[in-house]
C-alpha atoms as a PDB file:
ATOM      1  CA  UNK A   1     -33.524 224.444  47.667  1.00  0.00           C
ATOM      2  CA  UNK A   2     -36.424 223.436  45.610  1.00  0.00           C
ATOM      3  CA  UNK A   3     -39.625 223.433  47.463  1.00  0.00           C
ATOM      4  CA  UNK A   4     -40.999 219.981  49.122  1.00  0.00           C
ATOM      5  CA  UNK A   5     -44.485 221.550  49.983  1.00  0.00           C
ATOM      6  CA  UNK A   6     -47.228 222.662  47.680  1.00  0.00           C
ATOM      7  CA  UNK A   7     -50.474 224.486  48.897  1.00  0.00           C
ATOM      8  CA  UNK A   8     -53.182 224.668  46.110  1.00  0.00           C
ATOM      9  CA  UNK A   9     -55.994 227.299  46.383  1.00  0.00           C
ATOM     10  CA  UNK A  10     -53.459 229.435  47.933  1.00  0.00           C
ATOM     11  CA  UNK A  11     -54.924 232.941  46.973  1.00  0.00           C
ATOM     12  CA  UNK A  12     -58.088 231.918  48.694  1.00  0.00           C
ATOM     13  CA  UNK A  13     -58.495 233.277  52.284  1.00  0.00           C
ATOM     14  CA  UNK A  14     -57.906 229.734  54.041  1.00  0.00           C
ATOM     15  CA  UNK A  15     -54.934 228.767  51.483  1.00  0.00           C
ATOM     16  CA  UNK A  16     -53.158 232.192  52.319  1.00  0.00           C
ATOM     17  CA  UNK A  17     -53.566 232.035  55.835  1.00  0.00           C
ATOM     18  CA  UNK A  18     -51.841 228.539  55.788  1.00  0.00           C
ATOM     19  CA  UNK A  19     -48.899 229.730  53.747  1.00  0.00           C
ATOM     20  CA  UNK A  20     -48.549 232.633  56.109  1.00  0.00           C
ATOM     21  CA  UNK A  21     -48.535 230.254  59.293  1.00  0.00           C
ATOM     22  CA  UNK A  22     -46.430 227.405  57.374  1.00  0.00           C
ATOM     23  CA  UNK A  23     -43.418 230.029  56.680  1.00  0.00           C
ATOM     24  CA  UNK A  24     -43.249 230.044  60.655  1.00  0.00           C
ATOM     25  CA  UNK A  25     -41.598 226.847  60.630  1.00  0.00           C
ATOM     26  CA  UNK A  26     -40.485 226.658  56.970  1.00  0.00           C
ATOM     27  CA  UNK A  27     -38.329 228.872  54.810  1.00  0.00           C
ATOM     28  CA  UNK A  28     -39.763 230.090  52.139  1.00  0.00           C
ATOM     29  CA  UNK A  29     -37.848 227.972  49.747  1.00  0.00           C
ATOM     30  CA  UNK A  30     -39.479 225.077  50.771  1.00  0.00           C
ATOM     31  CA  UNK A  31     -42.830 226.201  49.672  1.00  0.00           C
ATOM     32  CA  UNK A  32     -44.789 226.456  46.443  1.00  0.00           C
ATOM     33  CA  UNK A  33     -48.157 227.833  45.759  1.00  0.00           C
ATOM     34  CA  UNK A  34     -50.573 226.448  43.170  1.00  0.00           C
ATOM     35  CA  UNK A  35     -52.777 229.296  41.485  1.00  0.00           C
ATOM     36  CA  UNK A  36     -55.015 230.009  38.750  1.00  0.00           C
ATOM     37  CA  UNK A  37     -53.821 233.657  37.941  1.00  0.00           C
ATOM     38  CA  UNK A  38     -50.285 234.468  38.780  1.00  0.00           C
ATOM     39  CA  UNK A  39     -51.205 238.144  38.830  1.00  0.00           C
ATOM     40  CA  UNK A  40     -53.142 237.585  41.800  1.00  0.00           C
ATOM     41  CA  UNK A  41     -50.448 236.044  43.697  1.00  0.00           C
ATOM     42  CA  UNK A  42     -48.657 239.408  44.118  1.00  0.00           C
ATOM     43  CA  UNK A  43     -48.698 238.943  48.273  1.00  0.00           C
ATOM     44  CA  UNK A  44     -47.672 235.249  48.015  1.00  0.00           C
ATOM     45  CA  UNK A  45     -44.778 236.173  45.762  1.00  0.00           C
ATOM     46  CA  UNK A  46     -43.452 238.765  48.352  1.00  0.00           C
ATOM     47  CA  UNK A  47     -43.283 236.222  50.664  1.00  0.00           C
ATOM     48  CA  UNK A  48     -40.658 234.455  48.639  1.00  0.00           C
ATOM     49  CA  UNK A  49     -42.741 231.265  48.019  1.00  0.00           C
ATOM     50  CA  UNK A  50     -42.671 229.900  44.412  1.00  0.00           C
ATOM     51  CA  UNK A  51     -45.585 230.456  42.522  1.00  0.00           C
ATOM     52  CA  UNK A  52     -46.828 227.445  40.123  1.00  0.00           C
ATOM     53  CA  UNK A  53     -49.646 227.960  37.569  1.00  0.00           C
ATOM     54  CA  UNK A  54     -52.219 225.434  37.327  1.00  0.00           C
ATOM     55  CA  UNK A  55     -56.024 225.228  37.081  1.00  0.00           C
ATOM     56  CA  UNK A  56     -58.036 222.373  38.695  1.00  0.00           C
ATOM     57  CA  UNK A  57     -60.161 222.053  35.608  1.00  0.00           C
ATOM     58  CA  UNK A  58     -57.161 221.862  33.100  1.00  0.00           C
ATOM     59  CA  UNK A  59     -55.351 218.426  33.251  1.00  0.00           C
ATOM     60  CA  UNK A  60     -52.662 219.165  31.283  1.00  0.00           C
ATOM     61  CA  UNK A  61     -51.642 221.978  33.512  1.00  0.00           C
ATOM     62  CA  UNK A  62     -50.948 220.371  36.824  1.00  0.00           C
ATOM     63  CA  UNK A  63     -48.295 217.761  36.494  1.00  0.00           C
ATOM     64  CA  UNK A  64     -45.655 219.858  35.888  1.00  0.00           C
ATOM     65  CA  UNK A  65     -46.921 222.185  38.263  1.00  0.00           C
ATOM     66  CA  UNK A  66     -46.608 219.649  40.856  1.00  0.00           C
ATOM     67  CA  UNK A  67     -43.058 218.349  39.994  1.00  0.00           C
ATOM     68  CA  UNK A  68     -40.520 217.988  42.574  1.00  0.00           C
ATOM     69  CA  UNK A  69     -43.254 218.398  45.727  1.00  0.00           C
ATOM     70  CA  UNK A  70     -43.305 215.796  48.288  1.00  0.00           C
ATOM     71  CA  UNK A  71     -46.289 216.747  50.491  1.00  0.00           C
ATOM     72  CA  UNK A  72     -49.449 218.052  48.807  1.00  0.00           C
ATOM     73  CA  UNK A  73     -52.049 220.092  50.460  1.00  0.00           C
ATOM     74  CA  UNK A  74     -55.348 220.053  48.404  1.00  0.00           C
ATOM     75  CA  UNK A  75     -57.355 222.326  49.354  1.00  0.00           C
ATOM     76  CA  UNK A  76     -60.919 221.233  48.160  1.00  0.00           C
ATOM     77  CA  UNK A  77     -62.624 223.460  45.412  1.00  0.00           C
ATOM     78  CA  UNK A  78     -65.324 226.163  46.250  1.00  0.00           C
ATOM     79  CA  UNK A  79     -66.619 225.746  42.643  1.00  0.00           C
ATOM     80  CA  UNK A  80     -69.447 222.383  42.615  1.00  0.00           C
ATOM     81  CA  UNK A  81     -69.556 222.039  38.769  1.00  0.00           C
ATOM     82  CA  UNK A  82     -67.788 218.422  39.361  1.00  0.00           C
ATOM     83  CA  UNK A  83     -65.647 218.825  42.349  1.00  0.00           C
ATOM     84  CA  UNK A  84     -64.893 215.416  42.424  1.00  0.00           C
ATOM     85  CA  UNK A  85     -63.153 215.626  38.848  1.00  0.00           C
ATOM     86  CA  UNK A  86     -61.730 218.587  39.548  1.00  0.00           C
ATOM     87  CA  UNK A  87     -60.036 216.959  42.824  1.00  0.00           C
ATOM     88  CA  UNK A  88     -59.061 213.842  40.602  1.00  0.00           C
ATOM     89  CA  UNK A  89     -57.187 215.754  38.028  1.00  0.00           C
ATOM     90  CA  UNK A  90     -55.071 217.211  40.754  1.00  0.00           C
ATOM     91  CA  UNK A  91     -54.375 213.588  42.300  1.00  0.00           C
ATOM     92  CA  UNK A  92     -53.646 211.907  39.082  1.00  0.00           C
ATOM     93  CA  UNK A  93     -50.989 214.601  38.559  1.00  0.00           C
ATOM     94  CA  UNK A  94     -49.400 214.063  42.099  1.00  0.00           C
ATOM     95  CA  UNK A  95     -49.140 210.377  41.409  1.00  0.00           C
ATOM     96  CA  UNK A  96     -47.688 211.185  37.805  1.00  0.00           C
ATOM     97  CA  UNK A  97     -45.415 213.595  39.255  1.00  0.00           C
ATOM     98  CA  UNK A  98     -44.346 211.702  42.436  1.00  0.00           C
ATOM     99  CA  UNK A  99     -46.083 213.122  45.494  1.00  0.00           C
ATOM    100  CA  UNK A 100     -45.253 211.068  48.141  1.00  0.00           C
ATOM    101  CA  UNK A 101     -47.942 212.520  50.813  1.00  0.00           C
ATOM    102  CA  UNK A 102     -51.417 214.082  49.749  1.00  0.00           C
ATOM    103  CA  UNK A 103     -53.251 216.443  52.728  1.00  0.00           C
ATOM    104  CA  UNK A 104     -56.849 217.095  51.852  1.00  0.00           C
ATOM    105  CA  UNK A 105     -59.111 219.702  53.345  1.00  0.00           C
ATOM    106  CA  UNK A 106     -62.858 217.828  53.367  1.00  0.00           C
ATOM    107  CA  UNK A 107     -65.618 218.169  55.465  1.00  0.00           C
ATOM    108  CA  UNK A 108     -67.104 216.569  59.000  1.00  0.00           C
ATOM    109  CA  UNK A 109     -70.597 215.208  58.313  1.00  0.00           C
ATOM    110  CA  UNK A 110     -72.655 212.945  59.917  1.00  0.00           C
ATOM    111  CA  UNK A 111     -73.905 209.983  57.957  1.00  0.00           C
ATOM    112  CA  UNK A 112     -72.382 211.730  54.411  1.00  0.00           C
ATOM    113  CA  UNK A 113     -74.407 208.697  52.304  1.00  0.00           C
ATOM    114  CA  UNK A 114     -77.657 209.774  54.069  1.00  0.00           C
ATOM    115  CA  UNK A 115     -77.528 213.338  54.828  1.00  0.00           C
ATOM    116  CA  UNK A 116     -79.862 215.994  52.796  1.00  0.00           C
ATOM    117  CA  UNK A 117     -76.798 218.013  51.563  1.00  0.00           C
ATOM    118  CA  UNK A 118     -75.267 214.920  49.822  1.00  0.00           C
ATOM    119  CA  UNK A 119     -75.607 216.566  46.594  1.00  0.00           C
ATOM    120  CA  UNK A 120     -73.247 219.474  47.270  1.00  0.00           C
ATOM    121  CA  UNK A 121     -70.712 217.538  50.267  1.00  0.00           C
ATOM    122  CA  UNK A 122     -70.292 213.988  49.165  1.00  0.00           C
ATOM    123  CA  UNK A 123     -67.664 214.917  46.753  1.00  0.00           C
ATOM    124  CA  UNK A 124     -65.077 215.164  50.151  1.00  0.00           C
ATOM    125  CA  UNK A 125     -65.621 211.733  50.641  1.00  0.00           C
ATOM    126  CA  UNK A 126     -65.269 210.816  47.208  1.00  0.00           C
ATOM    127  CA  UNK A 127     -61.998 212.557  46.774  1.00  0.00           C
ATOM    128  CA  UNK A 128     -60.899 210.645  50.269  1.00  0.00           C
ATOM    129  CA  UNK A 129     -61.423 207.479  48.735  1.00  0.00           C
ATOM    130  CA  UNK A 130     -59.875 208.160  45.688  1.00  0.00           C
ATOM    131  CA  UNK A 131     -56.990 209.255  47.327  1.00  0.00           C
ATOM    132  CA  UNK A 132     -56.587 206.297  49.403  1.00  0.00           C
ATOM    133  CA  UNK A 133     -56.897 204.320  46.121  1.00  0.00           C
ATOM    134  CA  UNK A 134     -53.698 205.481  44.663  1.00  0.00           C
ATOM    135  CA  UNK A 135     -51.387 203.982  47.633  1.00  0.00           C
ATOM    136  CA  UNK A 136     -50.106 207.362  48.439  1.00  0.00           C
ATOM    137  CA  UNK A 137     -49.383 208.463  52.208  1.00  0.00           C
ATOM    138  CA  UNK A 138     -52.627 210.698  53.339  1.00  0.00           C
ATOM    139  CA  UNK A 139     -53.573 212.377  55.772  1.00  0.00           C
ATOM    140  CA  UNK A 140     -57.720 214.275  55.866  1.00  0.00           C
ATOM    141  CA  UNK A 141     -58.405 216.993  57.605  1.00  0.00           C
ATOM    142  CA  UNK A 142     -62.082 217.107  57.915  1.00  0.00           C
ATOM    143  CA  UNK A 143     -63.520 220.879  58.720  1.00  0.00           C
ATOM    144  CA  UNK A 144     -66.514 221.943  60.505  1.00  0.00           C
ATOM    145  CA  UNK A 145     -68.486 224.712  59.212  1.00  0.00           C
ATOM    146  CA  UNK A 146     -66.597 227.917  59.197  1.00  0.00           C
ATOM    147  CA  UNK A 147     -67.677 230.467  62.008  1.00  0.00           C
ATOM    148  CA  UNK A 148     -67.584 233.067  58.949  1.00  0.00           C
ATOM    149  CA  UNK A 149     -70.732 231.077  57.752  1.00  0.00           C
ATOM    150  CA  UNK A 150     -73.081 232.591  60.531  1.00  0.00           C
ATOM    151  CA  UNK A 151     -73.705 236.021  58.850  1.00  0.00           C
ATOM    152  CA  UNK A 152     -74.575 234.363  55.459  1.00  0.00           C
ATOM    153  CA  UNK A 153     -77.199 232.333  56.947  1.00  0.00           C
ATOM    154  CA  UNK A 154     -78.051 234.680  60.304  1.00  0.00           C
ATOM    155  CA  UNK A 155     -78.254 237.876  58.043  1.00  0.00           C
ATOM    156  CA  UNK A 156     -75.590 241.119  57.948  1.00  0.00           C
ATOM    157  CA  UNK A 157     -78.096 242.826  59.695  1.00  0.00           C
ATOM    158  CA  UNK A 158     -79.392 240.314  62.344  1.00  0.00           C
ATOM    159  CA  UNK A 159     -79.571 243.046  64.899  1.00  0.00           C
ATOM    160  CA  UNK A 160     -82.570 244.810  63.378  1.00  0.00           C
ATOM    161  CA  UNK A 161     -84.087 241.763  61.888  1.00  0.00           C
ATOM    162  CA  UNK A 162     -83.633 238.924  64.166  1.00  0.00           C
ATOM    163  CA  UNK A 163     -82.204 235.585  62.984  1.00  0.00           C
ATOM    164  CA  UNK A 164     -84.223 233.941  59.841  1.00  0.00           C
ATOM    165  CA  UNK A 165     -82.889 230.685  58.955  1.00  0.00           C
ATOM    166  CA  UNK A 166     -84.864 227.139  59.139  1.00  0.00           C
ATOM    167  CA  UNK A 167     -82.249 224.902  60.858  1.00  0.00           C
ATOM    168  CA  UNK A 168     -84.722 224.538  63.938  1.00  0.00           C
ATOM    169  CA  UNK A 169     -82.845 223.015  66.878  1.00  0.00           C
ATOM    170  CA  UNK A 170     -80.024 221.746  65.230  1.00  0.00           C
ATOM    171  CA  UNK A 171     -76.541 222.469  66.312  1.00  0.00           C
ATOM    172  CA  UNK A 172     -72.934 223.280  64.565  1.00  0.00           C
ATOM    173  CA  UNK A 173     -69.747 222.858  66.281  1.00  0.00           C
ATOM    174  CA  UNK A 174     -68.571 226.018  64.385  1.00  0.00           C
ATOM    175  CA  UNK A 175     -64.493 226.654  63.654  1.00  0.00           C
ATOM    176  CA  UNK A 176     -63.108 229.779  62.840  1.00  0.00           C
ATOM    177  CA  UNK A 177     -61.150 229.757  59.538  1.00  0.00           C
ATOM    178  CA  UNK A 178     -57.929 231.162  61.125  1.00  0.00           C
ATOM    179  CA  UNK A 179     -58.051 228.533  63.574  1.00  0.00           C
ATOM    180  CA  UNK A 180     -58.083 226.004  60.977  1.00  0.00           C
ATOM    181  CA  UNK A 181     -55.617 227.730  58.805  1.00  0.00           C
ATOM    182  CA  UNK A 182     -53.016 227.412  61.926  1.00  0.00           C
ATOM    183  CA  UNK A 183     -53.842 223.883  62.943  1.00  0.00           C
ATOM    184  CA  UNK A 184     -53.483 222.903  59.160  1.00  0.00           C
ATOM    185  CA  UNK A 185     -49.996 223.999  59.106  1.00  0.00           C
ATOM    186  CA  UNK A 186     -49.082 222.350  62.312  1.00  0.00           C
ATOM    187  CA  UNK A 187     -50.149 218.983  60.791  1.00  0.00           C
ATOM    188  CA  UNK A 188     -47.991 219.755  57.456  1.00  0.00           C
ATOM    189  CA  UNK A 189     -44.604 219.500  59.359  1.00  0.00           C
ATOM    190  CA  UNK A 190     -46.036 217.422  61.861  1.00  0.00           C
ATOM    191  CA  UNK A 191     -44.645 213.854  62.386  1.00  0.00           C
ATOM    192  CA  UNK A 192     -46.589 210.881  62.097  1.00  0.00           C
ATOM    193  CA  UNK A 193     -50.335 211.919  60.333  1.00  0.00           C
ATOM    194  CA  UNK A 194     -49.808 209.818  57.426  1.00  0.00           C
ATOM    195  CA  UNK A 195     -53.170 207.259  57.571  1.00  0.00           C
ATOM    196  CA  UNK A 196     -55.090 209.549  59.780  1.00  0.00           C
ATOM    197  CA  UNK A 197     -58.216 211.479  60.105  1.00  0.00           C
ATOM    198  CA  UNK A 198     -58.479 214.583  62.200  1.00  0.00           C
ATOM    199  CA  UNK A 199     -61.751 216.130  62.683  1.00  0.00           C
ATOM    200  CA  UNK A 200     -61.522 219.562  63.015  1.00  0.00           C
ATOM    201  CA  UNK A 201     -64.328 221.282  64.533  1.00  0.00           C
ATOM    202  CA  UNK A 202     -65.219 223.465  67.835  1.00  0.00           C
ATOM    203  CA  UNK A 203     -65.243 221.995  70.919  1.00  0.00           C
ATOM    204  CA  UNK A 204     -68.977 223.103  71.338  1.00  0.00           C
ATOM    205  CA  UNK A 205     -71.871 223.213  69.301  1.00  0.00           C
ATOM    206  CA  UNK A 206     -74.579 225.999  69.165  1.00  0.00           C
ATOM    207  CA  UNK A 207     -77.642 226.434  67.415  1.00  0.00           C
ATOM    208  CA  UNK A 208     -78.785 229.537  65.600  1.00  0.00           C
ATOM    209  CA  UNK A 209     -81.453 229.909  68.310  1.00  0.00           C
ATOM    210  CA  UNK A 210     -78.433 230.286  70.970  1.00  0.00           C
ATOM    211  CA  UNK A 211     -76.830 232.109  68.697  1.00  0.00           C
ATOM    212  CA  UNK A 212     -79.567 235.104  68.699  1.00  0.00           C
ATOM    213  CA  UNK A 213     -79.417 234.621  72.584  1.00  0.00           C
ATOM    214  CA  UNK A 214     -75.761 235.193  72.632  1.00  0.00           C
ATOM    215  CA  UNK A 215     -75.983 238.227  70.211  1.00  0.00           C
ATOM    216  CA  UNK A 216     -79.380 239.594  72.470  1.00  0.00           C
ATOM    217  CA  UNK A 217     -76.944 239.193  75.537  1.00  0.00           C
ATOM    218  CA  UNK A 218     -73.889 240.770  74.122  1.00  0.00           C
ATOM    219  CA  UNK A 219     -75.873 243.911  72.135  1.00  0.00           C
ATOM    220  CA  UNK A 220     -78.549 244.211  74.917  1.00  0.00           C
ATOM    221  CA  UNK A 221     -81.201 243.983  72.240  1.00  0.00           C
ATOM    222  CA  UNK A 222     -83.841 241.370  71.743  1.00  0.00           C
ATOM    223  CA  UNK A 223     -82.667 239.387  68.960  1.00  0.00           C
ATOM    224  CA  UNK A 224     -85.294 236.948  68.141  1.00  0.00           C
ATOM    225  CA  UNK A 225     -84.714 233.600  66.498  1.00  0.00           C
ATOM    226  CA  UNK A 226     -87.435 232.556  63.835  1.00  0.00           C
ATOM    227  CA  UNK A 227     -87.186 228.723  62.315  1.00  0.00           C
ATOM    228  CA  UNK A 228     -89.627 229.096  59.212  1.00  0.00           C
ATOM    229  CA  UNK A 229     -90.338 226.564  56.860  1.00  0.00           C
ATOM    230  CA  UNK A 230     -88.490 225.843  53.930  1.00  0.00           C
ATOM    231  CA  UNK A 231     -90.682 227.062  51.452  1.00  0.00           C
ATOM    232  CA  UNK A 232     -91.284 230.248  53.562  1.00  0.00           C
ATOM    233  CA  UNK A 233     -87.379 230.827  53.547  1.00  0.00           C
ATOM    234  CA  UNK A 234     -87.190 230.190  50.302  1.00  0.00           C
ATOM    235  CA  UNK A 235     -89.858 232.630  49.257  1.00  0.00           C
ATOM    236  CA  UNK A 236     -88.350 235.308  51.321  1.00  0.00           C
ATOM    237  CA  UNK A 237     -84.837 235.029  50.354  1.00  0.00           C
ATOM    238  CA  UNK A 238     -86.367 235.076  46.262  1.00  0.00           C
ATOM    239  CA  UNK A 239     -87.868 238.424  47.527  1.00  0.00           C
ATOM    240  CA  UNK A 240     -84.430 239.710  48.111  1.00  0.00           C
ATOM    241  CA  UNK A 241     -83.846 238.667  44.100  1.00  0.00           C
ATOM    242  CA  UNK A 242     -80.937 236.455  45.235  1.00  0.00           C
ATOM    243  CA  UNK A 243     -79.977 233.865  42.594  1.00  0.00           C
ATOM    244  CA  UNK A 244     -81.645 230.338  42.641  1.00  0.00           C
ATOM    245  CA  UNK A 245     -78.296 228.558  43.574  1.00  0.00           C
ATOM    246  CA  UNK A 246     -77.623 230.659  46.469  1.00  0.00           C
ATOM    247  CA  UNK A 247     -81.209 229.885  47.691  1.00  0.00           C
ATOM    248  CA  UNK A 248     -80.816 226.339  47.136  1.00  0.00           C
ATOM    249  CA  UNK A 249     -77.634 225.898  48.760  1.00  0.00           C
ATOM    250  CA  UNK A 250     -78.502 228.090  51.839  1.00  0.00           C
ATOM    251  CA  UNK A 251     -81.818 225.981  52.455  1.00  0.00           C
ATOM    252  CA  UNK A 252     -79.602 222.557  51.817  1.00  0.00           C
ATOM    253  CA  UNK A 253     -77.654 223.656  54.625  1.00  0.00           C
ATOM    254  CA  UNK A 254     -80.274 224.769  56.923  1.00  0.00           C
ATOM    255  CA  UNK A 255     -81.784 221.454  56.607  1.00  0.00           C
ATOM    256  CA  UNK A 256     -78.569 219.595  57.210  1.00  0.00           C
ATOM    257  CA  UNK A 257     -78.434 221.393  60.134  1.00  0.00           C
ATOM    258  CA  UNK A 258     -81.977 220.632  61.345  1.00  0.00           C
ATOM    259  CA  UNK A 259     -80.869 217.139  61.271  1.00  0.00           C
ATOM    260  CA  UNK A 260     -77.575 217.556  63.171  1.00  0.00           C
ATOM    261  CA  UNK A 261     -75.196 216.536  60.235  1.00  0.00           C
ATOM    262  CA  UNK A 262     -72.803 219.356  62.020  1.00  0.00           C
ATOM    263  CA  UNK A 263     -72.919 218.732  65.429  1.00  0.00           C
ATOM    264  CA  UNK A 264     -69.805 216.765  66.321  1.00  0.00           C
ATOM    265  CA  UNK A 265     -67.793 218.389  68.653  1.00  0.00           C
ATOM    266  CA  UNK A 266     -64.417 217.657  69.487  1.00  0.00           C
ATOM    267  CA  UNK A 267     -61.049 219.229  70.866  1.00  0.00           C
ATOM    268  CA  UNK A 268     -58.582 218.121  68.265  1.00  0.00           C
ATOM    269  CA  UNK A 269     -58.673 221.486  66.865  1.00  0.00           C
ATOM    270  CA  UNK A 270     -57.637 223.218  70.496  1.00  0.00           C
ATOM    271  CA  UNK A 271     -55.051 220.671  71.034  1.00  0.00           C
ATOM    272  CA  UNK A 272     -53.294 221.470  67.814  1.00  0.00           C
ATOM    273  CA  UNK A 273     -53.434 225.094  68.279  1.00  0.00           C
ATOM    274  CA  UNK A 274     -52.533 224.606  72.019  1.00  0.00           C
ATOM    275  CA  UNK A 275     -54.329 227.218  73.000  1.00  0.00           C
ATOM    276  CA  UNK A 276     -58.055 228.239  73.286  1.00  0.00           C
ATOM    277  CA  UNK A 277     -60.049 228.155  70.324  1.00  0.00           C
ATOM    278  CA  UNK A 278     -61.594 231.470  68.991  1.00  0.00           C
ATOM    279  CA  UNK A 279     -64.929 231.420  70.673  1.00  0.00           C
ATOM    280  CA  UNK A 280     -68.342 231.956  68.947  1.00  0.00           C
ATOM    281  CA  UNK A 281     -68.577 235.118  71.341  1.00  0.00           C
ATOM    282  CA  UNK A 282     -65.626 236.757  70.056  1.00  0.00           C
ATOM    283  CA  UNK A 283     -66.538 235.973  66.742  1.00  0.00           C
ATOM    284  CA  UNK A 284     -69.772 237.468  67.203  1.00  0.00           C
ATOM    285  CA  UNK A 285     -68.679 240.686  68.857  1.00  0.00           C
ATOM    286  CA  UNK A 286     -66.179 241.303  65.683  1.00  0.00           C
ATOM    287  CA  UNK A 287     -68.545 240.433  63.304  1.00  0.00           C
ATOM    288  CA  UNK A 288     -71.300 242.762  64.171  1.00  0.00           C
ATOM    289  CA  UNK A 289     -69.016 245.746  65.984  1.00  0.00           C
ATOM    290  CA  UNK A 290     -70.402 244.556  69.544  1.00  0.00           C
END
């Protein structure tokens, strides 16, 4: 049996988890994965899926890799350098190869045209528009911010230092990457998803001030929250000799959170899971060993 499903970005954390969940409902012979380096796909190969080599940046590597595929999951690139161009290469190859249905993992973002983080995330919406222009069946999965970004913004040593992040009172409806992977696998094999957009966010939004309060409660320590100016925040990060691109990205996300761009709450994720989503409390307990 030749594969009818192909998962891109399959050696990444999200992609590999999606494959594992997908194999609960499909035989390995029905699934192929796209990877840049097959040597890094040993775990996937051991699962029995077909390994196909291709690179978002190399358009000529993609048509053969997508041959015979009916349903393609395009996991958005983590490389912000011409991200839309990378996605376009995959989409064009899908059209040439005769793919019939593209699933795309984008982002939930309020007012994309006006967001302060447009420079980083607007490529998601450009990609959606381009997929629509092909005439292929599509399903868009607009993921919320991962719970896993909380330590990146709040800090690894947050119990000692407190939460220092210029997000003000802005809230985020975080979702765990593991829950998103499971829900995505469910949608890939579900009927009647063509032409639909799924907002996959948490059902309750939290501010970083509320996260600090939860950490205080769970740890029994006083974990303060400070929302500095963007300038003070950037200078603090520079004092740790962080790369400028990381500083810029963190500041843009803070500004976008402060403006409420990620506040959308939705129960769709939990409905697809058929169980309660992973709570912020459980995530914090696991992450900070509480």
